[in-house]
Amino acid sequence: MIKKIFLWGGVAFLLFFIAYRPDSAADVFQALGSTAADIAQGLGDFVTSLIA
C-alpha cells in the first residue's frame, strides 16, 4: 500500500514539476539522458577493449 502511495505521489510530483517548471524539468531530463549516454559509451568502450 505504501509503495503505491509513493509511486502515485512521485507521478503527481513529476507532472507538477513539468507543468510549472518546464525549463527546469527539461534540464533535468537532458542531464539524465546525457548521463545514460555516457554510461552506455563507457560500457561499449569496455566491451570493445575486451574483444580487441
N, C-alpha and C. Protein backbone atom coordinates (compact mmCIF):
# COMPACT_ATOMS: atom_id res chain seq x y z
N MET A 1 0.83 -1.20 0.00
CA MET A 1 0.00 0.00 0.00
C MET A 1 0.87 1.27 0.00
N ILE A 2 1.90 1.28 0.85
CA ILE A 2 2.80 2.44 0.91
C ILE A 2 3.52 2.63 -0.41
N LYS A 3 3.92 1.51 -1.03
CA LYS A 3 4.61 1.58 -2.31
C LYS A 3 3.74 2.27 -3.36
N LYS A 4 2.46 1.94 -3.37
CA LYS A 4 1.53 2.53 -4.33
C LYS A 4 1.36 4.03 -4.06
N ILE A 5 1.32 4.41 -2.81
CA ILE A 5 1.19 5.83 -2.45
C ILE A 5 2.41 6.61 -2.92
N PHE A 6 3.62 6.07 -2.67
CA PHE A 6 4.83 6.74 -3.11
C PHE A 6 4.91 6.81 -4.63
N LEU A 7 4.49 5.76 -5.30
CA LEU A 7 4.50 5.75 -6.77
C LEU A 7 3.61 6.85 -7.32
N TRP A 8 2.37 6.92 -6.85
CA TRP A 8 1.45 7.95 -7.35
C TRP A 8 1.86 9.35 -6.91
N GLY A 9 2.45 9.45 -5.72
CA GLY A 9 2.97 10.75 -5.28
C GLY A 9 4.11 11.22 -6.17
N GLY A 10 4.98 10.28 -6.56
CA GLY A 10 6.08 10.61 -7.47
C GLY A 10 5.58 11.03 -8.83
N VAL A 11 4.57 10.33 -9.34
CA VAL A 11 4.00 10.68 -10.64
C VAL A 11 3.35 12.06 -10.57
N ALA A 12 2.63 12.33 -9.49
CA ALA A 12 2.00 13.64 -9.33
C ALA A 12 3.05 14.75 -9.25
N PHE A 13 4.13 14.50 -8.50
CA PHE A 13 5.19 15.50 -8.41
C PHE A 13 5.84 15.73 -9.76
N LEU A 14 6.08 14.67 -10.51
CA LEU A 14 6.68 14.78 -11.83
C LEU A 14 5.80 15.62 -12.75
N LEU A 15 4.51 15.35 -12.76
CA LEU A 15 3.59 16.13 -13.60
C LEU A 15 3.54 17.60 -13.16
N PHE A 16 3.53 17.83 -11.85
CA PHE A 16 3.54 19.19 -11.32
C PHE A 16 4.82 19.92 -11.73
N PHE A 17 5.96 19.22 -11.61
CA PHE A 17 7.25 19.80 -11.97
C PHE A 17 7.30 20.17 -13.44
N ILE A 18 6.81 19.28 -14.30
CA ILE A 18 6.80 19.55 -15.74
C ILE A 18 5.85 20.68 -16.08
N ALA A 19 4.71 20.74 -15.41
CA ALA A 19 3.71 21.76 -15.73
C ALA A 19 4.14 23.16 -15.28
N TYR A 20 4.76 23.26 -14.10
CA TYR A 20 5.06 24.58 -13.55
C TYR A 20 6.50 25.02 -13.73
N ARG A 21 7.40 24.11 -14.03
CA ARG A 21 8.81 24.43 -14.27
C ARG A 21 9.33 23.67 -15.49
N PRO A 22 8.77 23.94 -16.67
CA PRO A 22 9.16 23.14 -17.85
C PRO A 22 10.63 23.28 -18.22
N ASP A 23 11.21 24.47 -18.04
CA ASP A 23 12.62 24.64 -18.38
C ASP A 23 13.52 23.84 -17.45
N SER A 24 13.21 23.89 -16.16
CA SER A 24 13.99 23.12 -15.20
C SER A 24 13.81 21.62 -15.42
N ALA A 25 12.59 21.21 -15.73
CA ALA A 25 12.33 19.79 -15.99
C ALA A 25 13.09 19.33 -17.22
N ALA A 26 13.15 20.16 -18.25
CA ALA A 26 13.90 19.80 -19.45
C ALA A 26 15.38 19.67 -19.15
N ASP A 27 15.90 20.56 -18.31
CA ASP A 27 17.31 20.48 -17.93
C ASP A 27 17.61 19.19 -17.17
N VAL A 28 16.72 18.81 -16.28
CA VAL A 28 16.91 17.58 -15.50
C VAL A 28 16.91 16.37 -16.43
N PHE A 29 15.94 16.30 -17.33
CA PHE A 29 15.86 15.15 -18.23
C PHE A 29 17.02 15.13 -19.22
N GLN A 30 17.49 16.30 -19.62
CA GLN A 30 18.65 16.35 -20.51
C GLN A 30 19.89 15.83 -19.78
N ALA A 31 20.05 16.20 -18.52
CA ALA A 31 21.19 15.72 -17.73
C ALA A 31 21.11 14.21 -17.54
N LEU A 32 19.92 13.70 -17.27
CA LEU A 32 19.75 12.25 -17.10
C LEU A 32 20.06 11.52 -18.40
N GLY A 33 19.60 12.05 -19.51
CA GLY A 33 19.88 11.44 -20.81
C GLY A 33 21.36 11.46 -21.14
N SER A 34 22.02 12.56 -20.83
CA SER A 34 23.45 12.68 -21.07
C SER A 34 24.23 11.67 -20.23
N THR A 35 23.82 11.52 -18.98
CA THR A 35 24.47 10.55 -18.10
C THR A 35 24.27 9.13 -18.61
N ALA A 36 23.06 8.81 -19.04
CA ALA A 36 22.79 7.47 -19.59
C ALA A 36 23.63 7.23 -20.84
N ALA A 37 23.78 8.23 -21.69
CA ALA A 37 24.59 8.09 -22.90
C ALA A 37 26.06 7.89 -22.55
N ASP A 38 26.54 8.61 -21.54
CA ASP A 38 27.93 8.44 -21.11
C ASP A 38 28.18 7.04 -20.56
N ILE A 39 27.23 6.53 -19.80
CA ILE A 39 27.36 5.17 -19.26
C ILE A 39 27.37 4.14 -20.39
N ALA A 40 26.48 4.32 -21.36
CA ALA A 40 26.42 3.39 -22.49
C ALA A 40 27.71 3.45 -23.30
N GLN A 41 28.25 4.64 -23.50
CA GLN A 41 29.51 4.79 -24.23
C GLN A 41 30.65 4.10 -23.49
N GLY A 42 30.72 4.29 -22.18
CA GLY A 42 31.76 3.65 -21.39
C GLY A 42 31.64 2.14 -21.42
N LEU A 43 30.43 1.64 -21.33
CA LEU A 43 30.21 0.19 -21.40
C LEU A 43 30.61 -0.35 -22.77
N GLY A 44 30.27 0.38 -23.81
CA GLY A 44 30.66 -0.03 -25.16
C GLY A 44 32.17 -0.05 -25.34
N ASP A 45 32.84 0.97 -24.82
CA ASP A 45 34.30 1.01 -24.89
C ASP A 45 34.92 -0.16 -24.12
N PHE A 46 34.36 -0.48 -22.97
CA PHE A 46 34.86 -1.59 -22.16
C PHE A 46 34.73 -2.91 -22.90
N VAL A 47 33.55 -3.15 -23.47
CA VAL A 47 33.34 -4.40 -24.21
C VAL A 47 34.24 -4.46 -25.44
N THR A 48 34.42 -3.34 -26.12
CA THR A 48 35.30 -3.30 -27.28
C THR A 48 36.74 -3.62 -26.90
N SER A 49 37.19 -3.08 -25.76
CA SER A 49 38.56 -3.35 -25.33
C SER A 49 38.73 -4.80 -24.89
N LEU A 50 37.68 -5.43 -24.41
CA LEU A 50 37.77 -6.85 -24.04
C LEU A 50 37.89 -7.72 -25.28
N ILE A 51 37.18 -7.37 -26.32
CA ILE A 51 37.15 -8.19 -27.55
C ILE A 51 38.42 -7.96 -28.37
N ALA A 52 38.88 -6.72 -28.46
CA ALA A 52 40.03 -6.37 -29.32
C ALA A 52 41.35 -6.78 -28.71
